[in-house]
Amino acid sequence: MSEVDKLTEKTVDEGGVLAILYFDIHGTDKDTLVQLSTGLVQKILTQEGVVFARGEIDEPMEENKLFSTSLELRVLTRDVTSLAQLCADFSPFSLEILEPQEFKVPVSNMQDLFMFVSSHSHDYKKYILQKLSPPEKGAEYAKNLHARAELGKKLLEKKK
């Protein structure tokens, strides 16, 4: 068994996930596509929760002076939340989970996952509302946001 296989088995046994993420990359220059793909793999390698990542870049194809390629990225993350973070941050067009075949996730990890989804959803809604709302609606949204923050602060103080 190779060192990568041993690491994968150990990480998956401890709650990790082995997956393949699929990306489409487009541009006007063949060499730039390869460089972008390589850069994406390097960036993903530095993300929190990523144990390893290995990418395979297809030969770029040209059509109407535009190039496109696909990147197949095999990635091992320490947990489900880390994989969700990668998907949110890098937007693969598809993914395939290789291991584990079934998930047994501790409640704390599920809470982290759902808080991550909630936080990202909130950030996107906030961005959209701030950019598209008339000024008075934006002010109302900011007021509601402040009230939510105050409520959260009170709840945290109550816990202590």
Protein backbone atom coordinates (compact mmCIF):
# COMPACT_ATOMS: atom_id res chain seq x y z
CA MET A 1 0.00 0.00 0.00
CA SER A 2 1.43 3.39 -1.00
CA GLU A 3 1.92 6.28 1.43
CA VAL A 4 -0.92 8.18 -0.28
CA ASP A 5 -3.22 5.18 0.14
CA LYS A 6 -2.30 4.89 3.83
CA LEU A 7 -2.89 8.61 4.37
CA THR A 8 -6.21 8.43 2.53
CA GLU A 9 -7.40 5.43 4.54
CA LYS A 10 -6.40 7.02 7.86
CA THR A 11 -8.00 10.38 7.00
CA VAL A 12 -11.26 8.79 5.78
CA ASP A 13 -11.38 6.63 8.93
CA GLU A 14 -11.13 9.85 10.96
CA GLY A 15 -14.00 11.54 9.08
CA GLY A 16 -12.24 12.72 5.93
CA VAL A 17 -13.63 12.73 2.40
CA LEU A 18 -11.93 11.73 -0.85
CA ALA A 19 -13.60 13.33 -3.85
CA ILE A 20 -13.04 14.37 -7.43
CA LEU A 21 -13.95 17.96 -8.27
CA TYR A 22 -14.51 18.85 -11.93
CA PHE A 23 -13.79 22.33 -13.32
CA ASP A 24 -14.19 23.97 -16.72
CA ILE A 25 -11.65 26.67 -17.54
CA HIS A 26 -11.95 29.00 -20.52
CA GLY A 27 -9.74 31.69 -22.04
CA THR A 28 -8.13 33.10 -25.14
CA ASP A 29 -4.69 31.54 -24.73
CA LYS A 30 -3.81 27.85 -24.43
CA ASP A 31 -0.77 28.34 -22.18
CA THR A 32 -2.68 30.66 -19.85
CA LEU A 33 -5.35 27.96 -19.36
CA VAL A 34 -2.74 25.45 -18.28
CA GLN A 35 -1.19 28.03 -15.95
CA LEU A 36 -4.61 28.93 -14.48
CA SER A 37 -5.40 25.26 -13.93
CA THR A 38 -2.06 24.67 -12.23
CA GLY A 39 -2.57 27.78 -10.11
CA LEU A 40 -6.02 26.57 -9.07
CA VAL A 41 -4.59 23.26 -7.88
CA GLN A 42 -1.88 25.10 -5.93
CA LYS A 43 -4.45 27.44 -4.36
CA ILE A 44 -6.67 24.54 -3.30
CA LEU A 45 -3.66 22.80 -1.74
CA THR A 46 -3.29 25.75 0.65
CA GLN A 47 -6.91 25.73 1.83
CA GLU A 48 -7.70 24.81 5.41
CA GLY A 49 -8.81 21.21 5.74
CA VAL A 50 -7.17 20.00 2.52
CA VAL A 51 -4.88 17.03 3.14
CA PHE A 52 -3.82 16.61 -0.48
CA ALA A 53 -4.94 17.46 -4.00
CA ARG A 54 -3.80 16.23 -7.40
CA GLY A 55 -5.10 17.60 -10.66
CA GLU A 56 -5.23 16.29 -14.20
CA ILE A 57 -5.62 18.95 -16.87
CA ASP A 58 -7.06 17.95 -20.24
CA GLU A 59 -5.40 19.25 -23.38
CA PRO A 60 -7.03 22.63 -24.15
CA MET A 61 -9.31 22.69 -27.20
CA GLU A 62 -9.80 25.69 -29.48
CA GLU A 63 -13.08 26.85 -30.98
CA ASN A 64 -13.67 30.29 -32.54
CA LYS A 65 -10.37 31.63 -31.11
CA LEU A 66 -11.37 30.61 -27.57
CA PHE A 67 -9.75 27.80 -25.62
CA SER A 68 -11.34 25.56 -23.04
CA THR A 69 -10.12 22.75 -20.89
CA SER A 70 -11.30 20.72 -17.95
CA LEU A 71 -9.55 19.99 -14.71
CA GLU A 72 -10.20 16.83 -12.73
CA LEU A 73 -9.03 17.40 -9.18
CA ARG A 74 -8.73 14.50 -6.75
CA VAL A 75 -8.86 16.01 -3.27
CA LEU A 76 -8.74 14.59 0.25
CA THR A 77 -10.25 16.77 2.95
CA ARG A 78 -10.18 16.22 6.67
CA ASP A 79 -13.99 16.48 6.94
CA VAL A 80 -17.26 17.21 5.17
CA THR A 81 -17.20 20.90 6.10
CA SER A 82 -13.80 21.37 4.43
CA LEU A 83 -15.18 19.85 1.23
CA ALA A 84 -18.23 22.14 1.40
CA GLN A 85 -15.89 25.11 1.85
CA LEU A 86 -13.93 24.12 -1.27
CA CYS A 87 -17.13 23.78 -3.29
CA ALA A 88 -18.38 27.18 -2.13
CA ASP A 89 -15.07 28.94 -2.72
CA PHE A 90 -14.08 27.37 -6.05
CA SER A 91 -17.42 26.34 -7.66
CA PRO A 92 -16.67 23.06 -9.42
CA PHE A 93 -19.27 22.21 -12.06
CA SER A 94 -19.54 18.71 -10.61
CA LEU A 95 -18.11 16.41 -7.98
CA GLU A 96 -17.89 12.74 -7.22
CA ILE A 97 -17.39 11.40 -3.69
CA LEU A 98 -15.10 8.37 -3.76
CA GLU A 99 -14.73 7.68 -0.02
CA PRO A 100 -16.37 7.02 2.35
CA GLN A 101 -19.22 5.00 0.91
CA GLU A 102 -21.43 6.04 3.83
CA PHE A 103 -21.20 8.97 6.21
CA LYS A 104 -21.36 8.79 9.95
CA VAL A 105 -20.87 12.41 10.93
CA PRO A 106 -20.68 13.66 14.52
CA VAL A 107 -23.30 16.26 15.44
CA SER A 108 -20.60 18.90 15.96
CA ASN A 109 -19.42 18.45 12.35
CA MET A 110 -22.99 18.68 11.06
CA GLN A 111 -23.48 21.88 13.06
CA ASP A 112 -20.29 23.28 11.52
CA LEU A 113 -21.51 22.31 8.06
CA PHE A 114 -24.92 23.91 8.48
CA MET A 115 -23.43 27.04 10.04
CA PHE A 116 -21.08 27.30 7.07
CA VAL A 117 -24.00 26.99 4.64
CA SER A 118 -26.01 29.52 6.63
CA SER A 119 -23.13 31.99 6.81
CA HIS A 120 -22.38 31.80 3.09
CA SER A 121 -26.05 32.08 2.21
CA HIS A 122 -26.32 35.15 4.43
CA ASP A 123 -23.25 36.74 2.85
CA TYR A 124 -24.64 36.24 -0.67
CA LYS A 125 -28.05 37.61 0.30
CA LYS A 126 -26.43 40.60 1.98
CA TYR A 127 -24.31 41.33 -1.10
CA ILE A 128 -27.27 41.05 -3.46
CA LEU A 129 -29.52 43.19 -1.29
CA GLN A 130 -26.89 45.87 -0.84
CA LYS A 131 -26.16 46.05 -4.56
CA LEU A 132 -29.72 45.86 -5.88
CA SER A 133 -31.90 47.46 -3.21
CA PRO A 134 -32.93 51.11 -3.24
CA PRO A 135 -31.12 53.15 -0.53
CA GLU A 136 -34.06 53.07 1.93
CA LYS A 137 -34.28 49.28 1.74
CA GLY A 138 -30.52 49.04 2.23
CA ALA A 139 -30.78 51.16 5.37
CA GLU A 140 -33.63 48.98 6.65
CA TYR A 141 -31.57 45.87 5.99
CA ALA A 142 -28.56 47.35 7.85
CA LYS A 143 -30.84 48.20 10.81
CA ASN A 144 -32.19 44.62 10.91
CA LEU A 145 -28.66 43.26 10.66
CA HIS A 146 -27.57 45.38 13.62
CA ALA A 147 -30.56 44.14 15.65
CA ARG A 148 -29.63 40.52 14.86
CA ALA A 149 -26.05 41.15 15.95
CA GLU A 150 -27.25 42.65 19.24
CA LEU A 151 -29.53 39.68 19.86
CA GLY A 152 -26.65 37.30 19.16
CA LYS A 153 -24.45 39.23 21.57
CA LYS A 154 -27.09 38.96 24.31
CA LEU A 155 -27.52 35.23 23.70
CA LEU A 156 -23.77 34.68 23.92
CA GLU A 157 -23.59 36.64 27.17
CA LYS A 158 -26.46 34.58 28.57
CA LYS A 159 -24.51 31.36 27.81
CA LYS A 160 -21.61 32.55 29.93
